[in-house]
Amino acid sequence: MIRFDRVSKRYPPGVDALLDLSFEVGEGQMLLVGGHNGAGKSTLLKLIAGIEKATSGGAAFVVRLPRIEQVRPSRSCRLRR
């Protein structure tokens, strides 16, 4: 799950790339990011990837990993990568 709560990103000298962005993407859902040039698409993806830090607001990321004993032996090698 990904949750953004009133997230903003400001670049010097005071240019707002994102302003008060809130959304939630639940487990198993997909997100489509679209918009015109300069809308903040790349900034959003950088925030999600952890490449950039938000100027304000909060972001939450929840990742559920399978328990190793529930994974078939033939697929366990994929988890070790």
Foldseek 3Di string as FASTA:
>chain_A
DKWWAQFWAADPPGRTLDGGDTDDADPPGDDDDDDDPSNNRVVVVCCVVVVDDTPDTDMDDDDDDDDLVPDDPVCSVVVVD
